Amino acid sequence: MNNLPGTMTAERRPRSLFPLADTLISDFFTSPLWEAGRQVMHRSFPVDILETDKDYVLKADMPGVREEDLDITLENEVLTIALKHKGEVEKEEEGTYHYRERSFSSVSRSFKLPSIADDANIEAELKDGVLQLRIPKLPEKQARKISVKKK
């Protein structure tokens, strides 16, 4: 939750029964470490990965993203989804922005594919703000007997 500047005065603040605990909790949630973690969370996109008998299905929520904003690469069995999105910048309104996240975002996420993934046949589709990648599985290798020859 982002806090907007407020005008609450000391007289209007409720008194706490545990002021030390309140201070410790408040200090933690306003620390630079917590803020850095929040920024990482906001600069990512949620992903679901489903495994079926024949493939893996990766779905990522990407509202407002166009196909040209996406760069999907595969290198050394690592699938990377990179996003560079420039939001529509509205005409500047009079006033002061206290928080602004909607103008530009650049994020990427990488996933190590299992050895049974058929990386030559990955399909990607962007529909209604959801990116879906279908990653087929290679057929299972059957065990075979290796005979030993006499010399």
N, C-alpha and C. Protein backbone atom coordinates (compact mmCIF):
# COMPACT_ATOMS: atom_id res chain seq x y z
N MET A 1 0.84 -1.16 0.00
CA MET A 1 0.00 0.00 0.00
C MET A 1 0.89 1.23 0.00
N ASN A 2 0.62 2.15 -0.89
CA ASN A 2 1.38 3.39 -0.95
C ASN A 2 0.69 4.44 -0.10
N ASN A 3 1.48 5.16 0.64
CA ASN A 3 0.94 6.20 1.51
C ASN A 3 0.99 7.54 0.81
N LEU A 4 -0.11 8.26 0.86
CA LEU A 4 -0.15 9.61 0.34
C LEU A 4 0.12 10.56 1.50
N PRO A 5 0.66 11.73 1.23
CA PRO A 5 0.90 12.67 2.31
C PRO A 5 -0.42 12.98 3.02
N GLY A 6 -0.38 12.99 4.34
CA GLY A 6 -1.60 13.22 5.10
C GLY A 6 -1.48 14.42 5.99
N THR A 7 -2.57 14.75 6.60
CA THR A 7 -2.60 15.91 7.49
C THR A 7 -3.03 15.53 8.89
N MET A 8 -2.93 14.24 9.25
CA MET A 8 -3.36 13.81 10.57
C MET A 8 -2.46 14.42 11.63
N THR A 9 -3.05 15.04 12.60
CA THR A 9 -2.27 15.68 13.67
C THR A 9 -2.12 14.73 14.84
N ALA A 10 -1.21 15.07 15.74
CA ALA A 10 -0.95 14.22 16.90
C ALA A 10 -2.21 14.06 17.75
N GLU A 11 -3.03 15.10 17.83
CA GLU A 11 -4.24 15.02 18.64
C GLU A 11 -5.23 14.02 18.07
N ARG A 12 -5.21 13.81 16.76
CA ARG A 12 -6.18 12.92 16.13
C ARG A 12 -5.68 11.48 16.04
N ARG A 13 -4.40 11.24 16.28
CA ARG A 13 -3.87 9.88 16.18
C ARG A 13 -4.32 9.06 17.38
N PRO A 14 -4.73 7.81 17.14
CA PRO A 14 -5.10 6.97 18.27
C PRO A 14 -3.86 6.58 19.06
N ARG A 15 -4.00 6.42 20.36
CA ARG A 15 -2.88 6.01 21.20
C ARG A 15 -2.71 4.51 21.10
N SER A 16 -1.47 4.08 21.15
CA SER A 16 -1.16 2.66 21.06
C SER A 16 -0.90 2.08 22.44
N LEU A 17 -1.29 0.83 22.61
CA LEU A 17 -0.97 0.13 23.85
C LEU A 17 0.45 -0.40 23.83
N PHE A 18 1.04 -0.53 22.63
CA PHE A 18 2.38 -1.11 22.48
C PHE A 18 3.25 -0.18 21.63
N PRO A 19 3.67 0.96 22.15
CA PRO A 19 4.40 1.92 21.33
C PRO A 19 5.72 1.39 20.79
N LEU A 20 6.46 0.59 21.57
CA LEU A 20 7.73 0.06 21.08
C LEU A 20 7.50 -0.87 19.89
N ALA A 21 6.53 -1.76 20.01
CA ALA A 21 6.23 -2.68 18.90
C ALA A 21 5.79 -1.90 17.67
N ASP A 22 4.96 -0.89 17.87
CA ASP A 22 4.52 -0.06 16.75
C ASP A 22 5.70 0.61 16.06
N THR A 23 6.64 1.11 16.85
CA THR A 23 7.82 1.77 16.29
C THR A 23 8.67 0.79 15.50
N LEU A 24 8.90 -0.40 16.05
CA LEU A 24 9.71 -1.41 15.34
C LEU A 24 9.06 -1.81 14.03
N ILE A 25 7.77 -2.05 14.06
CA ILE A 25 7.06 -2.45 12.84
C ILE A 25 7.07 -1.31 11.84
N SER A 26 6.81 -0.11 12.29
CA SER A 26 6.81 1.05 11.41
C SER A 26 8.19 1.25 10.78
N ASP A 27 9.25 1.12 11.59
CA ASP A 27 10.61 1.28 11.07
C ASP A 27 10.93 0.23 10.02
N PHE A 28 10.47 -1.00 10.23
CA PHE A 28 10.74 -2.06 9.26
C PHE A 28 10.08 -1.75 7.93
N PHE A 29 8.80 -1.37 7.97
CA PHE A 29 8.06 -1.16 6.73
C PHE A 29 8.41 0.15 6.04
N THR A 30 9.15 1.01 6.68
CA THR A 30 9.59 2.24 6.01
C THR A 30 11.08 2.21 5.72
N SER A 31 11.73 1.07 5.96
CA SER A 31 13.17 0.97 5.73
C SER A 31 13.48 0.87 4.24
N PRO A 32 14.69 1.26 3.83
CA PRO A 32 15.09 1.13 2.43
C PRO A 32 15.03 -0.32 1.94
N LEU A 33 15.32 -1.28 2.80
CA LEU A 33 15.28 -2.69 2.40
C LEU A 33 13.87 -3.09 2.00
N TRP A 34 12.88 -2.71 2.79
CA TRP A 34 11.49 -3.04 2.47
C TRP A 34 11.09 -2.35 1.17
N GLU A 35 11.47 -1.10 0.99
CA GLU A 35 11.12 -0.37 -0.22
C GLU A 35 11.76 -1.02 -1.44
N ALA A 36 13.00 -1.48 -1.33
CA ALA A 36 13.66 -2.16 -2.46
C ALA A 36 12.91 -3.43 -2.82
N GLY A 37 12.47 -4.17 -1.81
CA GLY A 37 11.70 -5.39 -2.08
C GLY A 37 10.38 -5.09 -2.76
N ARG A 38 9.72 -4.02 -2.34
CA ARG A 38 8.45 -3.63 -2.96
C ARG A 38 8.68 -3.25 -4.42
N GLN A 39 9.79 -2.55 -4.70
CA GLN A 39 10.06 -2.15 -6.07
C GLN A 39 10.29 -3.36 -6.96
N VAL A 40 10.98 -4.37 -6.45
CA VAL A 40 11.19 -5.60 -7.23
C VAL A 40 9.85 -6.26 -7.51
N MET A 41 8.97 -6.33 -6.50
CA MET A 41 7.67 -6.96 -6.70
C MET A 41 6.86 -6.19 -7.73
N HIS A 42 6.89 -4.85 -7.70
CA HIS A 42 6.11 -4.06 -8.64
C HIS A 42 6.70 -4.12 -10.04
N ARG A 43 7.96 -4.45 -10.17
CA ARG A 43 8.60 -4.44 -11.48
C ARG A 43 8.67 -5.84 -12.06
N SER A 44 7.75 -6.67 -11.71
CA SER A 44 7.71 -8.02 -12.23
C SER A 44 6.30 -8.28 -12.73
N PHE A 45 6.06 -9.49 -13.19
CA PHE A 45 4.72 -9.85 -13.62
C PHE A 45 4.43 -11.25 -13.09
N PRO A 46 3.18 -11.47 -12.67
CA PRO A 46 2.84 -12.78 -12.10
C PRO A 46 2.79 -13.85 -13.17
N VAL A 47 3.23 -15.04 -12.80
CA VAL A 47 3.32 -16.16 -13.74
C VAL A 47 2.74 -17.42 -13.10
N ASP A 48 2.01 -18.19 -13.89
CA ASP A 48 1.57 -19.54 -13.51
C ASP A 48 2.22 -20.50 -14.48
N ILE A 49 2.69 -21.65 -13.97
CA ILE A 49 3.26 -22.69 -14.84
C ILE A 49 2.54 -23.99 -14.52
N LEU A 50 1.89 -24.54 -15.53
CA LEU A 50 1.13 -25.77 -15.41
C LEU A 50 1.83 -26.87 -16.19
N GLU A 51 1.94 -28.04 -15.61
CA GLU A 51 2.51 -29.20 -16.31
C GLU A 51 1.39 -30.19 -16.60
N THR A 52 1.28 -30.59 -17.86
CA THR A 52 0.34 -31.64 -18.25
C THR A 52 1.15 -32.84 -18.72
N ASP A 53 0.46 -33.87 -19.17
CA ASP A 53 1.16 -35.05 -19.66
C ASP A 53 2.01 -34.76 -20.89
N LYS A 54 1.56 -33.81 -21.72
CA LYS A 54 2.26 -33.59 -22.99
C LYS A 54 3.03 -32.27 -23.09
N ASP A 55 2.79 -31.32 -22.16
CA ASP A 55 3.49 -30.04 -22.27
C ASP A 55 3.49 -29.27 -20.96
N TYR A 56 4.19 -28.12 -21.00
CA TYR A 56 4.16 -27.13 -19.92
C TYR A 56 3.45 -25.91 -20.49
N VAL A 57 2.62 -25.28 -19.68
CA VAL A 57 1.92 -24.08 -20.11
C VAL A 57 2.28 -22.97 -19.12
N LEU A 58 2.90 -21.92 -19.63
CA LEU A 58 3.27 -20.76 -18.82
C LEU A 58 2.32 -19.63 -19.18
N LYS A 59 1.68 -19.05 -18.17
CA LYS A 59 0.80 -17.90 -18.38
C LYS A 59 1.31 -16.74 -17.53
N ALA A 60 1.40 -15.58 -18.16
CA ALA A 60 1.88 -14.37 -17.47
C ALA A 60 0.90 -13.24 -17.72
N ASP A 61 0.47 -12.57 -16.64
CA ASP A 61 -0.41 -11.42 -16.77
C ASP A 61 0.38 -10.22 -17.24
N MET A 62 -0.06 -9.63 -18.37
CA MET A 62 0.62 -8.47 -18.94
C MET A 62 -0.40 -7.50 -19.51
N PRO A 63 -1.22 -6.90 -18.66
CA PRO A 63 -2.24 -5.99 -19.18
C PRO A 63 -1.62 -4.77 -19.85
N GLY A 64 -2.19 -4.40 -20.99
CA GLY A 64 -1.72 -3.22 -21.70
C GLY A 64 -0.47 -3.42 -22.53
N VAL A 65 0.08 -4.64 -22.55
CA VAL A 65 1.32 -4.92 -23.28
C VAL A 65 0.98 -5.33 -24.71
N ARG A 66 1.77 -4.84 -25.65
CA ARG A 66 1.62 -5.22 -27.05
C ARG A 66 2.70 -6.23 -27.43
N GLU A 67 2.47 -6.95 -28.51
CA GLU A 67 3.44 -7.97 -28.96
C GLU A 67 4.82 -7.36 -29.18
N GLU A 68 4.87 -6.15 -29.72
CA GLU A 68 6.17 -5.52 -30.01
C GLU A 68 6.91 -5.11 -28.73
N ASP A 69 6.23 -5.12 -27.59
CA ASP A 69 6.88 -4.81 -26.31
C ASP A 69 7.61 -6.01 -25.72
N LEU A 70 7.38 -7.20 -26.28
CA LEU A 70 7.92 -8.44 -25.71
C LEU A 70 9.14 -8.93 -26.48
N ASP A 71 10.07 -9.50 -25.74
CA ASP A 71 11.24 -10.16 -26.33
C ASP A 71 11.41 -11.47 -25.58
N ILE A 72 11.12 -12.58 -26.26
CA ILE A 72 11.22 -13.90 -25.64
C ILE A 72 12.39 -14.62 -26.28
N THR A 73 13.35 -15.04 -25.44
CA THR A 73 14.54 -15.70 -25.95
C THR A 73 14.77 -17.01 -25.22
N LEU A 74 15.54 -17.87 -25.87
CA LEU A 74 15.92 -19.15 -25.28
C LEU A 74 17.40 -19.35 -25.52
N GLU A 75 18.14 -19.53 -24.43
CA GLU A 75 19.58 -19.75 -24.54
C GLU A 75 20.01 -20.70 -23.43
N ASN A 76 20.69 -21.78 -23.83
CA ASN A 76 21.17 -22.78 -22.87
C ASN A 76 20.07 -23.28 -21.93
N GLU A 77 18.93 -23.61 -22.51
CA GLU A 77 17.77 -24.13 -21.78
C GLU A 77 17.17 -23.13 -20.79
N VAL A 78 17.49 -21.84 -20.95
CA VAL A 78 16.91 -20.80 -20.10
C VAL A 78 16.00 -19.93 -20.98
N LEU A 79 14.72 -19.93 -20.63
CA LEU A 79 13.73 -19.13 -21.33
C LEU A 79 13.61 -17.79 -20.61
N THR A 80 13.79 -16.69 -21.36
CA THR A 80 13.71 -15.35 -20.77
C THR A 80 12.60 -14.57 -21.45
N ILE A 81 11.74 -13.99 -20.63
CA ILE A 81 10.68 -13.12 -21.12
C ILE A 81 11.04 -11.71 -20.68
N ALA A 82 11.33 -10.85 -21.65
CA ALA A 82 11.69 -9.46 -21.36
C ALA A 82 10.58 -8.56 -21.87
N LEU A 83 10.30 -7.53 -21.11
CA LEU A 83 9.21 -6.62 -21.43
C LEU A 83 9.71 -5.20 -21.33
N LYS A 84 9.52 -4.44 -22.39
CA LYS A 84 9.78 -3.00 -22.36
C LYS A 84 8.49 -2.34 -22.79
N HIS A 85 7.85 -1.71 -21.82
CA HIS A 85 6.51 -1.16 -22.06
C HIS A 85 6.50 0.32 -21.75
N LYS A 86 6.10 1.10 -22.74
CA LYS A 86 5.93 2.54 -22.54
C LYS A 86 4.43 2.80 -22.47
N GLY A 87 3.98 3.19 -21.32
CA GLY A 87 2.56 3.51 -21.15
C GLY A 87 2.23 4.83 -21.81
N GLU A 88 0.96 5.04 -22.02
CA GLU A 88 0.51 6.30 -22.59
C GLU A 88 0.71 7.40 -21.55
N VAL A 89 1.50 8.39 -21.89
CA VAL A 89 1.73 9.50 -20.97
C VAL A 89 0.63 10.53 -21.20
N GLU A 90 -0.11 10.78 -20.15
CA GLU A 90 -1.22 11.72 -20.25
C GLU A 90 -0.70 13.15 -20.17
N LYS A 91 -1.51 14.07 -20.64
CA LYS A 91 -1.18 15.48 -20.53
C LYS A 91 -0.98 15.81 -19.06
N GLU A 92 0.08 16.53 -18.78
CA GLU A 92 0.39 16.88 -17.40
C GLU A 92 -0.75 17.67 -16.77
N GLU A 93 -1.17 17.20 -15.63
CA GLU A 93 -2.19 17.91 -14.87
C GLU A 93 -1.50 18.86 -13.91
N GLU A 94 -2.23 19.89 -13.51
CA GLU A 94 -1.68 20.80 -12.51
C GLU A 94 -1.61 20.06 -11.19
N GLY A 95 -0.54 20.22 -10.48
CA GLY A 95 -0.39 19.56 -9.20
C GLY A 95 0.95 18.85 -9.13
N THR A 96 1.16 18.16 -8.03
CA THR A 96 2.41 17.46 -7.79
C THR A 96 2.15 15.97 -7.69
N TYR A 97 2.86 15.19 -8.50
CA TYR A 97 2.76 13.73 -8.38
C TYR A 97 3.58 13.30 -7.17
N HIS A 98 3.00 12.45 -6.34
CA HIS A 98 3.72 11.88 -5.21
C HIS A 98 4.17 10.46 -5.52
N TYR A 99 3.57 9.87 -6.52
CA TYR A 99 3.93 8.51 -6.92
C TYR A 99 3.54 8.34 -8.37
N ARG A 100 4.45 7.83 -9.20
CA ARG A 100 4.13 7.66 -10.62
C ARG A 100 4.84 6.42 -11.13
N GLU A 101 4.06 5.39 -11.50
CA GLU A 101 4.62 4.13 -11.98
C GLU A 101 4.16 3.79 -13.39
N ARG A 102 3.20 4.49 -13.93
CA ARG A 102 2.55 4.04 -15.14
C ARG A 102 3.22 4.46 -16.44
N SER A 103 4.29 5.20 -16.41
CA SER A 103 4.84 5.73 -17.65
C SER A 103 5.77 4.77 -18.38
N PHE A 104 6.58 3.97 -17.68
CA PHE A 104 7.53 3.09 -18.35
C PHE A 104 7.88 1.94 -17.43
N SER A 105 8.00 0.78 -17.99
CA SER A 105 8.48 -0.35 -17.20
C SER A 105 9.33 -1.25 -18.07
N SER A 106 10.35 -1.80 -17.48
CA SER A 106 11.24 -2.72 -18.17
C SER A 106 11.57 -3.83 -17.18
N VAL A 107 11.10 -5.02 -17.47
CA VAL A 107 11.31 -6.15 -16.56
C VAL A 107 11.64 -7.39 -17.37
N SER A 108 12.23 -8.37 -16.70
CA SER A 108 12.43 -9.66 -17.35
C SER A 108 12.40 -10.74 -16.29
N ARG A 109 12.01 -11.92 -16.71
CA ARG A 109 12.03 -13.09 -15.85
C ARG A 109 12.59 -14.24 -16.66
N SER A 110 13.34 -15.10 -15.99
CA SER A 110 13.98 -16.23 -16.66
C SER A 110 13.57 -17.52 -15.97
N PHE A 111 13.45 -18.57 -16.78
CA PHE A 111 13.02 -19.87 -16.30
C PHE A 111 13.91 -20.95 -16.91
N LYS A 112 14.45 -21.81 -16.08
CA LYS A 112 15.27 -22.94 -16.56
C LYS A 112 14.31 -24.03 -17.01
N LEU A 113 14.42 -24.43 -18.27
CA LEU A 113 13.55 -25.47 -18.80
C LEU A 113 14.07 -26.84 -18.41
N PRO A 114 13.18 -27.78 -18.15
CA PRO A 114 13.63 -29.15 -17.87
C PRO A 114 14.20 -29.79 -19.13
N SER A 115 15.00 -30.81 -18.96
CA SER A 115 15.66 -31.45 -20.11
C SER A 115 14.67 -32.10 -21.07
N ILE A 116 13.46 -32.41 -20.61
CA ILE A 116 12.48 -33.04 -21.50
C ILE A 116 11.66 -32.02 -22.28
N ALA A 117 11.95 -30.73 -22.14
CA ALA A 117 11.22 -29.70 -22.89
C ALA A 117 11.68 -29.69 -24.34
N ASP A 118 10.72 -29.64 -25.25
CA ASP A 118 11.01 -29.58 -26.68
C ASP A 118 11.15 -28.10 -27.06
N ASP A 119 12.34 -27.56 -26.86
CA ASP A 119 12.53 -26.12 -27.05
C ASP A 119 12.43 -25.66 -28.50
N ALA A 120 12.44 -26.58 -29.45
CA ALA A 120 12.32 -26.21 -30.86
C ALA A 120 10.87 -25.93 -31.25
N ASN A 121 9.92 -26.30 -30.42
CA ASN A 121 8.51 -26.16 -30.79
C ASN A 121 7.70 -25.33 -29.79
N ILE A 122 8.33 -24.37 -29.14
CA ILE A 122 7.62 -23.51 -28.19
C ILE A 122 6.73 -22.55 -28.97
N GLU A 123 5.49 -22.40 -28.50
CA GLU A 123 4.55 -21.48 -29.12
C GLU A 123 4.17 -20.40 -28.11
N ALA A 124 4.07 -19.15 -28.58
CA ALA A 124 3.70 -18.04 -27.71
C ALA A 124 2.51 -17.30 -28.30
N GLU A 125 1.60 -16.88 -27.41
CA GLU A 125 0.42 -16.13 -27.84
C GLU A 125 0.10 -15.08 -26.78
N LEU A 126 -0.22 -13.87 -27.24
CA LEU A 126 -0.62 -12.79 -26.34
C LEU A 126 -2.07 -12.47 -26.66
N LYS A 127 -2.95 -12.69 -25.66
CA LYS A 127 -4.37 -12.46 -25.89
C LYS A 127 -5.00 -11.91 -24.61
N ASP A 128 -5.72 -10.80 -24.75
CA ASP A 128 -6.44 -10.19 -23.63
C ASP A 128 -5.55 -9.93 -22.42
N GLY A 129 -4.32 -9.48 -22.65
CA GLY A 129 -3.42 -9.13 -21.56
C GLY A 129 -2.76 -10.31 -20.88
N VAL A 130 -2.86 -11.50 -21.47
CA VAL A 130 -2.23 -12.69 -20.90
C VAL A 130 -1.31 -13.30 -21.96
N LEU A 131 -0.03 -13.44 -21.60
CA LEU A 131 0.93 -14.13 -22.47
C LEU A 131 0.88 -15.61 -22.11
N GLN A 132 0.72 -16.45 -23.13
CA GLN A 132 0.72 -17.89 -22.90
C GLN A 132 1.79 -18.54 -23.76
N LEU A 133 2.67 -19.30 -23.12
CA LEU A 133 3.68 -20.08 -23.82
C LEU A 133 3.36 -21.55 -23.62
N ARG A 134 3.34 -22.27 -24.70
CA ARG A 134 3.11 -23.71 -24.64
C ARG A 134 4.44 -24.37 -25.01
N ILE A 135 4.97 -25.15 -24.07
CA ILE A 135 6.28 -25.78 -24.24
C ILE A 135 6.06 -27.29 -24.26
N PRO A 136 6.10 -27.90 -25.45
CA PRO A 136 5.85 -29.35 -25.52
C PRO A 136 6.96 -30.15 -24.84
N LYS A 137 6.60 -31.35 -24.44
CA LYS A 137 7.59 -32.28 -23.88
C LYS A 137 8.07 -33.21 -24.98
N LEU A 138 9.33 -33.59 -24.89
CA LEU A 138 9.87 -34.60 -25.80
C LEU A 138 9.32 -35.96 -25.38
N PRO A 139 9.20 -36.88 -26.34
CA PRO A 139 8.76 -38.22 -25.95
C PRO A 139 9.77 -38.84 -24.99
N GLU A 140 9.25 -39.62 -24.04
CA GLU A 140 10.15 -40.28 -23.10
C GLU A 140 11.02 -41.27 -23.83
N LYS A 141 12.28 -41.28 -23.45
CA LYS A 141 13.19 -42.26 -24.04
C LYS A 141 12.94 -43.59 -23.36
N GLN A 142 12.79 -44.60 -24.17
CA GLN A 142 12.54 -45.94 -23.65
C GLN A 142 13.86 -46.59 -23.25
N ALA A 143 13.81 -47.34 -22.19
CA ALA A 143 15.01 -48.08 -21.77
C ALA A 143 15.31 -49.14 -22.83
N ARG A 144 16.56 -49.36 -23.07
CA ARG A 144 16.94 -50.40 -24.04
C ARG A 144 18.12 -51.17 -23.50
N LYS A 145 18.22 -52.36 -23.96
CA LYS A 145 19.29 -53.24 -23.52
C LYS A 145 20.48 -53.07 -24.46
N ILE A 146 21.65 -53.00 -23.88
CA ILE A 146 22.88 -52.88 -24.66
C ILE A 146 23.63 -54.19 -24.50
N SER A 147 23.85 -54.82 -25.64
CA SER A 147 24.53 -56.12 -25.57
C SER A 147 26.05 -55.92 -25.57
N VAL A 148 26.71 -56.85 -24.91
CA VAL A 148 28.17 -56.83 -24.82
C VAL A 148 28.68 -57.84 -25.83
N LYS A 149 29.62 -57.39 -26.67
CA LYS A 149 30.17 -58.27 -27.70
C LYS A 149 31.48 -58.87 -27.23
N LYS A 150 31.70 -60.13 -27.61
CA LYS A 150 32.97 -60.79 -27.32
C LYS A 150 33.96 -60.43 -28.40
N LYS A 151 35.21 -60.33 -28.03
CA LYS A 151 36.27 -60.09 -29.01
C LYS A 151 37.19 -61.25 -29.05
